[in-house]
Amino acid sequence: MKKFGRTILVVAFAVAVLSLSACTSKDNPAEPEGIVPPQAWAEKYPSIVASFEKNAEMTATKYGGSEPYSYLEKYQFLSLFYEGYGFSKQYDRARGHVYTLEDVLETDRPKKGASCFACKTPDFVAQLNSQGVEFNSMDFEEASKYMTNSITCYDCHMEEPGVINLTLTHLTDKLENVDREYKDTTLVCAQCHVEYYQDPETIAITLPWNNGLDADSMIAYYDERGYSDWVHPQTGTPLLKAQHPEFETYQTGIHGNLSCVDCHMEETEENGETVKSHQWTSPLLTSMEDTCIKCHAGESKESLTAKVEAIQKPVYDKTLAVADNITKLIEELSKVVKEGTKSEEELDAVRKLHREAQFKWDFVFVENGEGFHNQELAHKLLDEANQLALEGLELLK
């Protein structure tokens, strides 16, 4: 059973804290109360707040970044992959953490309920503790009236500087089933950077970790519950949409012994003290001297960037190649369904292959390391997805 020593969200405490004013103290504006904008801490922690505000920058590496564009326009096969689901209506590359609330409010994708705000604003935590689990299923537009902040200091610190406090119980509840110790500096990011789904009954954010943290275990979890995110309108396949499983992916990779903070929060100096930058982005977009080069001594930023891109390119190329075979599978399966030349039993055998192939492919496509967090796993899942697609095509002959 997983045990963790840092402060976890305690309902009684949270309710007390959140009942305080969401404004800074009138007597001392540098001492915020409750959930406040990060700028309220600027007087005490100027460099940290300044680095946090850099999350508004829209930058890009060769294979990743936060410059927004439409995935549907760049990868036109996605409209077929996600047909019948919200991601076929709008699917843009995510911007920085300061845009989380704005982006979820403005997306054209349908929203099942208030739980869509879970990783977008700490105001969700406040309402969940105030109104109870029923808040998860509140109408999204109605719930939006309670939301004013994007990601703030509260999400990671609960307004307690220097202390990591986990605020999202959909993670802490599942950690009891995980037989491994993790650093708080990883768990705080794992609150959101994970695969999840919304429970059909409660609409609560739920992590499919009961059987394990790998893609096969998740598929088994979903299969046991007869769960699917949607049914493809042409193939009749009950499909799964992967989210952004950075936590599950990186931990078995070559850097799995490090925490997210080690690579994504470079050190800076403030008043003679060493502090962590709060601009969460690719190390390729920072100085790298206080992240990558600390371990890779003697390397230059240019040489390390080239090595990273050399890892990402084969994954990127294979992702597109496998997508071609999944596209063929969807097209051929759709054709056979329309023609009615095979029994439902025969079709279901192919649908099972389609379901698993697309989920494993998606697991790699949506993971924000672009293959770098765990290149071995990325290639393994893509190879398995490709084999599943080819098996499906063979059955349709």
Protein backbone atom coordinates (compact mmCIF):
# COMPACT_ATOMS: atom_id res chain seq x y z
CA MET A 1 0.00 0.00 0.00
CA LYS A 2 1.30 3.44 -0.93
CA LYS A 3 2.04 5.72 2.02
CA PHE A 4 2.96 9.39 1.75
CA GLY A 5 3.97 11.76 4.48
CA ARG A 6 3.22 15.21 3.13
CA THR A 7 0.00 17.01 3.80
CA ILE A 8 -2.96 15.64 1.84
CA LEU A 9 -6.16 17.58 1.43
CA VAL A 10 -8.19 17.35 4.63
CA VAL A 11 -11.78 18.32 4.11
CA ALA A 12 -12.28 20.04 7.44
CA PHE A 13 -9.12 22.08 6.99
CA ALA A 14 -9.89 22.90 3.39
CA VAL A 15 -13.36 24.13 4.17
CA ALA A 16 -11.96 26.38 6.86
CA VAL A 17 -9.29 27.74 4.56
CA LEU A 18 -11.60 28.25 1.63
CA SER A 19 -14.11 30.12 3.72
CA LEU A 20 -11.55 32.89 4.01
CA SER A 21 -11.58 35.82 1.65
CA ALA A 22 -10.20 35.16 -1.81
CA CYS A 23 -8.45 38.51 -1.56
CA THR A 24 -5.17 39.42 0.05
CA SER A 25 -5.19 40.61 3.60
CA LYS A 26 -6.03 44.28 3.87
CA ASP A 27 -3.40 44.71 6.58
CA ASN A 28 -0.68 42.84 4.71
CA PRO A 29 -1.31 42.32 0.99
CA ALA A 30 1.79 40.11 0.77
CA GLU A 31 0.10 37.49 2.97
CA PRO A 32 -2.72 35.97 0.88
CA GLU A 33 -5.65 34.12 2.38
CA GLY A 34 -7.49 31.25 0.73
CA ILE A 35 -7.18 30.83 -3.05
CA VAL A 36 -5.61 33.89 -4.59
CA PRO A 37 -3.91 34.77 -7.87
CA PRO A 38 -0.17 34.03 -7.96
CA GLN A 39 0.50 37.77 -8.33
CA ALA A 40 -0.54 38.20 -4.69
CA TRP A 41 2.78 36.60 -3.73
CA ALA A 42 4.89 38.82 -6.00
CA GLU A 43 6.21 41.06 -3.22
CA LYS A 44 7.58 38.14 -1.21
CA TYR A 45 8.63 35.91 -4.13
CA PRO A 46 9.22 38.16 -7.13
CA SER A 47 11.35 35.80 -9.24
CA ILE A 48 9.04 32.83 -8.66
CA VAL A 49 5.97 34.79 -9.68
CA ALA A 50 7.83 36.27 -12.64
CA SER A 51 8.80 32.78 -13.81
CA PHE A 52 5.23 31.57 -13.33
CA GLU A 53 3.97 34.38 -15.55
CA LYS A 54 6.27 33.10 -18.31
CA ASN A 55 3.80 30.24 -18.70
CA ALA A 56 1.85 32.73 -20.79
CA GLU A 57 4.56 32.51 -23.45
CA MET A 58 3.69 30.30 -26.41
CA THR A 59 6.85 28.53 -27.46
CA ALA A 60 7.73 25.35 -29.28
CA THR A 61 10.43 22.76 -29.73
CA LYS A 62 10.73 20.74 -32.93
CA TYR A 63 8.23 18.13 -31.74
CA GLY A 64 6.42 19.77 -28.82
CA GLY A 65 5.63 23.03 -27.09
CA SER A 66 2.74 25.29 -26.20
CA GLU A 67 2.16 27.14 -29.45
CA PRO A 68 -1.50 26.39 -30.16
CA TYR A 69 -2.67 24.89 -33.41
CA SER A 70 -5.46 22.55 -34.45
CA TYR A 71 -4.49 18.88 -34.30
CA LEU A 72 -7.49 18.18 -36.52
CA GLU A 73 -6.06 20.39 -39.25
CA LYS A 74 -2.49 19.12 -38.94
CA TYR A 75 -3.41 15.44 -38.63
CA GLN A 76 -6.55 15.08 -40.71
CA PHE A 77 -6.93 11.37 -39.91
CA LEU A 78 -7.91 12.36 -36.36
CA SER A 79 -11.35 13.42 -37.58
CA LEU A 80 -11.90 9.79 -38.57
CA PHE A 81 -10.27 8.37 -35.42
CA TYR A 82 -12.42 10.49 -33.08
CA GLU A 83 -15.57 10.62 -35.22
CA GLY A 84 -18.62 10.76 -33.02
CA TYR A 85 -16.69 12.14 -30.03
CA GLY A 86 -15.99 15.66 -28.80
CA PHE A 87 -12.39 15.60 -29.94
CA SER A 88 -13.59 15.53 -33.55
CA LYS A 89 -15.18 18.94 -32.99
CA GLN A 90 -12.14 20.74 -31.60
CA TYR A 91 -8.72 19.48 -30.58
CA ASP A 92 -5.98 22.07 -30.13
CA ARG A 93 -2.52 21.76 -28.67
CA ALA A 94 -2.58 22.90 -25.04
CA ARG A 95 -1.21 26.27 -24.05
CA GLY A 96 0.58 27.04 -20.77
CA HIS A 97 -0.85 26.59 -17.28
CA VAL A 98 -2.05 30.19 -17.03
CA TYR A 99 -4.62 29.47 -19.75
CA THR A 100 -6.22 26.36 -18.25
CA LEU A 101 -9.50 27.95 -17.20
CA GLU A 102 -9.84 30.10 -20.32
CA ASP A 103 -9.22 27.16 -22.63
CA VAL A 104 -11.70 24.78 -21.00
CA LEU A 105 -14.37 27.49 -21.03
CA GLU A 106 -13.83 28.26 -24.70
CA THR A 107 -13.46 24.77 -26.17
CA ASP A 108 -16.21 23.62 -28.51
CA ARG A 109 -16.12 20.09 -27.09
CA PRO A 110 -19.20 19.10 -25.06
CA LYS A 111 -18.65 18.92 -21.29
CA LYS A 112 -20.19 16.22 -19.12
CA GLY A 113 -20.20 18.24 -15.92
CA ALA A 114 -18.33 20.35 -13.38
CA SER A 115 -15.57 17.77 -13.02
CA CYS A 116 -14.18 19.07 -16.33
CA PHE A 117 -12.76 21.87 -14.16
CA ALA A 118 -10.84 19.47 -11.89
CA CYS A 119 -7.40 20.15 -13.39
CA LYS A 120 -8.15 23.62 -14.66
CA THR A 121 -8.74 25.66 -11.50
CA PRO A 122 -8.35 25.29 -7.72
CA ASP A 123 -11.82 26.78 -7.41
CA PHE A 124 -13.08 23.30 -8.31
CA VAL A 125 -11.48 21.91 -5.15
CA ALA A 126 -13.16 24.62 -3.09
CA GLN A 127 -16.60 23.79 -4.46
CA LEU A 128 -16.09 20.04 -4.25
CA ASN A 129 -15.31 20.35 -0.55
CA SER A 130 -18.11 22.83 0.02
CA GLN A 131 -20.86 21.12 -1.95
CA GLY A 132 -19.77 17.47 -1.83
CA VAL A 133 -19.20 14.87 -4.56
CA GLU A 134 -22.49 15.83 -6.21
CA PHE A 135 -20.74 18.92 -7.50
CA ASN A 136 -18.94 16.73 -10.06
CA SER A 137 -22.15 16.26 -12.02
CA MET A 138 -23.37 19.84 -11.86
CA ASP A 139 -24.08 21.36 -15.27
CA PHE A 140 -20.83 22.75 -16.66
CA GLU A 141 -22.23 26.20 -17.45
CA GLU A 142 -23.78 26.46 -14.00
CA ALA A 143 -20.52 25.38 -12.35
CA SER A 144 -18.55 27.93 -14.38
CA LYS A 145 -20.10 30.70 -12.26
CA TYR A 146 -17.92 29.50 -9.37
CA MET A 147 -14.67 29.52 -11.35
CA THR A 148 -12.39 32.56 -11.47
CA ASN A 149 -8.78 31.31 -11.35
CA SER A 150 -6.58 29.30 -13.66
CA ILE A 151 -3.82 27.23 -12.04
CA THR A 152 -2.52 29.01 -8.92
CA CYS A 153 -0.09 28.38 -6.08
CA TYR A 154 -2.92 26.61 -4.26
CA ASP A 155 -2.89 23.65 -6.66
CA CYS A 156 0.55 22.58 -5.48
CA HIS A 157 1.05 24.34 -2.15
CA MET A 158 -2.40 25.15 -0.77
CA GLU A 159 -0.99 28.67 -0.17
CA GLU A 160 1.72 27.24 2.10
CA PRO A 161 5.02 28.36 0.51
CA GLY A 162 7.72 25.72 0.25
CA VAL A 163 5.41 22.84 1.17
CA ILE A 164 3.90 20.49 -1.39
CA ASN A 165 0.25 19.78 -0.64
CA LEU A 166 -1.75 17.47 -2.87
CA THR A 167 -5.22 18.86 -3.44
CA LEU A 168 -6.90 16.43 -5.85
CA THR A 169 -8.34 13.32 -4.24
CA HIS A 170 -8.79 11.47 -7.53
CA LEU A 171 -5.00 10.93 -7.29
CA THR A 172 -4.55 10.43 -3.55
CA ASP A 173 -7.37 7.88 -3.39
CA LYS A 174 -5.78 5.73 -6.10
CA LEU A 175 -2.29 5.90 -4.61
CA GLU A 176 -3.50 3.48 -1.94
CA ASN A 177 -3.57 0.82 -4.67
CA VAL A 178 -0.08 1.53 -6.00
CA ASP A 179 2.76 -0.47 -4.47
CA ARG A 180 5.55 2.06 -4.98
CA GLU A 181 6.86 5.17 -3.29
CA TYR A 182 6.91 8.40 -5.27
CA LYS A 183 8.46 11.76 -4.54
CA ASP A 184 6.07 14.58 -3.73
CA THR A 185 7.74 16.54 -6.52
CA THR A 186 6.37 13.95 -8.94
CA LEU A 187 2.99 13.35 -7.32
CA VAL A 188 2.12 17.03 -7.40
CA CYS A 189 2.33 16.90 -11.22
CA ALA A 190 0.62 13.50 -11.35
CA GLN A 191 -2.52 15.14 -10.01
CA CYS A 192 -3.29 16.11 -13.60
CA HIS A 193 -0.70 14.62 -15.96
CA VAL A 194 -2.29 11.17 -16.01
CA GLU A 195 -4.78 9.05 -17.95
CA TYR A 196 -8.28 9.42 -16.51
CA TYR A 197 -11.97 9.17 -17.33
CA GLN A 198 -15.20 10.56 -15.92
CA ASP A 199 -17.21 7.95 -14.04
CA PRO A 200 -20.49 7.42 -15.94
CA GLU A 201 -22.60 7.62 -12.78
CA THR A 202 -20.91 10.29 -10.64
CA ILE A 203 -19.05 12.15 -13.44
CA ALA A 204 -16.10 12.24 -11.01
CA ILE A 205 -12.57 12.16 -12.42
CA THR A 206 -11.32 8.58 -11.98
CA LEU A 207 -7.92 6.99 -12.66
CA PRO A 208 -8.01 3.49 -14.22
CA TRP A 209 -5.19 2.16 -12.07
CA ASN A 210 -6.78 -0.77 -10.24
CA ASN A 211 -4.88 -3.34 -12.31
CA GLY A 212 -1.71 -1.34 -12.94
CA LEU A 213 -0.37 1.78 -14.60
CA ASP A 214 0.42 0.37 -18.06
CA ALA A 215 -1.81 0.52 -21.13
CA ASP A 216 -2.74 -3.19 -21.08
CA SER A 217 -3.80 -2.98 -17.43
CA MET A 218 -5.91 0.06 -18.21
CA ILE A 219 -7.58 -1.68 -21.15
CA ALA A 220 -8.35 -4.61 -18.86
CA TYR A 221 -9.80 -2.21 -16.27
CA TYR A 222 -12.06 -0.58 -18.85
CA ASP A 223 -13.06 -3.97 -20.33
CA GLU A 224 -14.03 -5.33 -16.90
CA ARG A 225 -16.42 -2.41 -16.48
CA GLY A 226 -17.73 -2.48 -20.03
CA TYR A 227 -16.63 1.13 -20.31
CA SER A 228 -16.05 3.14 -23.45
CA ASP A 229 -15.81 6.87 -24.02
CA TRP A 230 -17.94 6.58 -27.15
CA VAL A 231 -18.97 4.25 -29.97
CA HIS A 232 -17.54 4.97 -33.39
CA PRO A 233 -20.53 5.71 -35.64
CA GLN A 234 -19.13 3.91 -38.69
CA THR A 235 -17.42 0.86 -37.19
CA GLY A 236 -19.58 0.36 -34.10
CA THR A 237 -16.40 0.04 -32.01
CA PRO A 238 -16.64 1.06 -28.32
CA LEU A 239 -13.55 3.27 -28.14
CA LEU A 240 -11.31 4.74 -25.45
CA LYS A 241 -9.76 8.22 -25.62
CA ALA A 242 -6.40 8.43 -23.84
CA GLN A 243 -5.69 11.72 -22.10
CA HIS A 244 -2.08 12.70 -21.25
CA PRO A 245 -0.32 9.86 -19.37
CA GLU A 246 3.00 11.56 -18.65
CA PHE A 247 3.18 10.11 -15.11
CA GLU A 248 2.50 6.54 -16.21
CA THR A 249 4.90 6.83 -19.14
CA TYR A 250 8.01 8.43 -17.69
CA GLN A 251 8.37 6.34 -14.54
CA THR A 252 9.63 3.23 -16.35
CA GLY A 253 11.86 5.24 -18.68
CA ILE A 254 15.54 6.04 -18.30
CA HIS A 255 14.76 9.13 -16.19
CA GLY A 256 12.23 7.36 -13.98
CA ASN A 257 14.43 7.78 -10.92
CA LEU A 258 14.12 11.57 -11.20
CA SER A 259 11.14 13.69 -10.32
CA CYS A 260 9.27 15.99 -12.68
CA VAL A 261 10.71 19.00 -10.85
CA ASP A 262 14.30 17.89 -11.51
CA CYS A 263 13.84 18.38 -15.25
CA HIS A 264 11.04 20.91 -15.59
CA MET A 265 11.83 23.48 -12.88
CA GLU A 266 15.33 24.88 -13.26
CA GLU A 267 16.95 26.63 -10.31
CA THR A 268 17.22 30.41 -10.03
CA GLU A 269 18.60 32.79 -7.42
CA GLU A 270 16.39 35.01 -5.26
CA ASN A 271 17.77 37.15 -2.42
CA GLY A 272 20.85 34.96 -2.22
CA GLU A 273 18.77 31.77 -2.04
CA THR A 274 18.30 29.06 -4.63
CA VAL A 275 14.66 28.71 -5.73
CA LYS A 276 12.91 26.75 -8.44
CA SER A 277 11.60 28.35 -11.59
CA HIS A 278 7.83 27.97 -11.94
CA GLN A 279 7.78 28.11 -15.71
CA TRP A 280 6.74 24.56 -16.60
CA THR A 281 8.00 23.82 -20.06
CA SER A 282 10.44 21.64 -21.97
CA PRO A 283 14.02 21.86 -20.65
CA LEU A 284 14.98 22.48 -24.27
CA LEU A 285 13.40 25.92 -23.91
CA THR A 286 15.29 26.89 -20.75
CA SER A 287 18.99 27.36 -20.02
CA MET A 288 19.44 23.61 -19.33
CA GLU A 289 22.49 24.31 -17.16
CA ASP A 290 20.41 23.77 -14.04
CA THR A 291 18.48 20.78 -15.38
CA CYS A 292 19.90 18.45 -18.03
CA ILE A 293 23.53 19.55 -17.86
CA LYS A 294 23.65 18.92 -14.12
CA CYS A 295 23.70 15.22 -14.94
CA HIS A 296 25.05 15.37 -18.48
CA ALA A 297 28.23 17.24 -17.58
CA GLY A 298 30.35 18.36 -20.49
CA GLU A 299 27.42 18.46 -22.89
CA SER A 300 26.22 21.63 -24.54
CA LYS A 301 22.62 22.72 -24.95
CA GLU A 302 22.98 22.22 -28.68
CA SER A 303 24.31 18.66 -28.42
CA LEU A 304 21.66 17.63 -25.90
CA THR A 305 18.90 19.16 -27.99
CA ALA A 306 20.12 17.16 -30.98
CA LYS A 307 20.07 13.96 -28.91
CA VAL A 308 16.54 14.63 -27.70
CA GLU A 309 15.29 15.28 -31.22
CA ALA A 310 17.04 12.13 -32.43
CA ILE A 311 14.96 10.19 -29.88
CA GLN A 312 11.71 11.96 -30.76
CA LYS A 313 11.92 11.78 -34.55
CA PRO A 314 11.61 7.96 -34.90
CA VAL A 315 8.68 7.99 -32.47
CA TYR A 316 7.01 10.79 -34.41
CA ASP A 317 7.56 9.05 -37.74
CA LYS A 318 6.29 5.71 -36.42
CA THR A 319 3.23 7.39 -34.91
CA LEU A 320 2.23 8.64 -38.36
CA ALA A 321 3.03 5.31 -40.04
CA VAL A 322 0.92 3.34 -37.57
CA ALA A 323 -1.87 5.89 -37.95
CA ASP A 324 -2.00 4.94 -41.64
CA ASN A 325 -2.77 1.31 -40.79
CA ILE A 326 -5.34 2.24 -38.17
CA THR A 327 -6.97 4.51 -40.75
CA LYS A 328 -7.12 1.58 -43.18
CA LEU A 329 -8.63 -0.61 -40.46
CA ILE A 330 -11.35 1.95 -39.71
CA GLU A 331 -12.14 2.40 -43.40
CA GLU A 332 -12.27 -1.32 -44.14
CA LEU A 333 -14.26 -2.13 -41.01
CA SER A 334 -16.72 0.65 -41.81
CA LYS A 335 -17.13 -0.73 -45.31
CA VAL A 336 -17.80 -4.28 -44.09
CA VAL A 337 -20.27 -3.05 -41.46
CA LYS A 338 -22.17 -1.12 -44.11
CA GLU A 339 -22.19 -4.06 -46.51
CA GLY A 340 -23.36 -6.51 -43.83
CA THR A 341 -21.16 -9.30 -45.14
CA LYS A 342 -19.94 -10.51 -41.72
CA SER A 343 -21.69 -11.63 -38.56
CA GLU A 344 -21.72 -9.52 -35.40
CA GLU A 345 -19.41 -12.05 -33.77
CA GLU A 346 -16.89 -11.62 -36.57
CA LEU A 347 -17.26 -7.85 -36.46
CA ASP A 348 -16.80 -7.75 -32.69
CA ALA A 349 -13.52 -9.63 -33.02
CA VAL A 350 -12.24 -6.87 -35.30
CA ARG A 351 -13.75 -4.15 -33.12
CA LYS A 352 -11.77 -5.47 -30.15
CA LEU A 353 -8.58 -5.12 -32.17
CA HIS A 354 -9.60 -1.63 -33.29
CA ARG A 355 -10.33 -0.57 -29.68
CA GLU A 356 -6.98 -1.76 -28.37
CA ALA A 357 -4.94 -0.54 -31.34
CA GLN A 358 -6.35 2.97 -31.21
CA PHE A 359 -5.96 3.28 -27.43
CA LYS A 360 -2.32 2.16 -27.51
CA TRP A 361 -1.61 4.51 -30.41
CA ASP A 362 -3.39 7.36 -28.63
CA PHE A 363 -1.44 6.62 -25.42
CA VAL A 364 1.72 7.65 -27.31
CA PHE A 365 0.22 10.41 -29.44
CA VAL A 366 -1.21 12.41 -26.53
CA GLU A 367 1.74 11.95 -24.14
CA ASN A 368 3.52 15.28 -23.93
CA GLY A 369 7.07 13.94 -23.86
CA GLU A 370 6.73 13.29 -27.60
CA GLY A 371 8.52 9.97 -27.07
CA PHE A 372 11.34 11.34 -24.92
CA HIS A 373 9.95 10.36 -21.51
CA ASN A 374 10.15 6.69 -22.43
CA GLN A 375 11.19 5.89 -25.98
CA GLU A 376 11.21 2.13 -25.38
CA LEU A 377 7.61 2.18 -24.18
CA ALA A 378 6.54 4.49 -27.01
CA HIS A 379 7.97 2.13 -29.65
CA LYS A 380 6.52 -0.91 -27.87
CA LEU A 381 3.01 0.52 -27.80
CA LEU A 382 3.18 1.72 -31.39
CA ASP A 383 4.45 -1.67 -32.57
CA GLU A 384 1.64 -3.41 -30.68
CA ALA A 385 -0.93 -0.98 -32.08
CA ASN A 386 0.36 -1.62 -35.58
CA GLN A 387 0.19 -5.39 -35.13
CA LEU A 388 -3.35 -5.17 -33.81
CA ALA A 389 -4.40 -3.06 -36.80
CA LEU A 390 -2.83 -5.52 -39.23
CA GLU A 391 -4.57 -8.43 -37.50
CA GLY A 392 -7.85 -6.60 -37.85
CA LEU A 393 -7.27 -6.02 -41.54
CA GLU A 394 -6.43 -9.68 -42.01
CA LEU A 395 -9.68 -10.77 -40.33
CA LEU A 396 -11.64 -8.51 -42.67
CA LYS A 397 -10.27 -10.16 -45.80
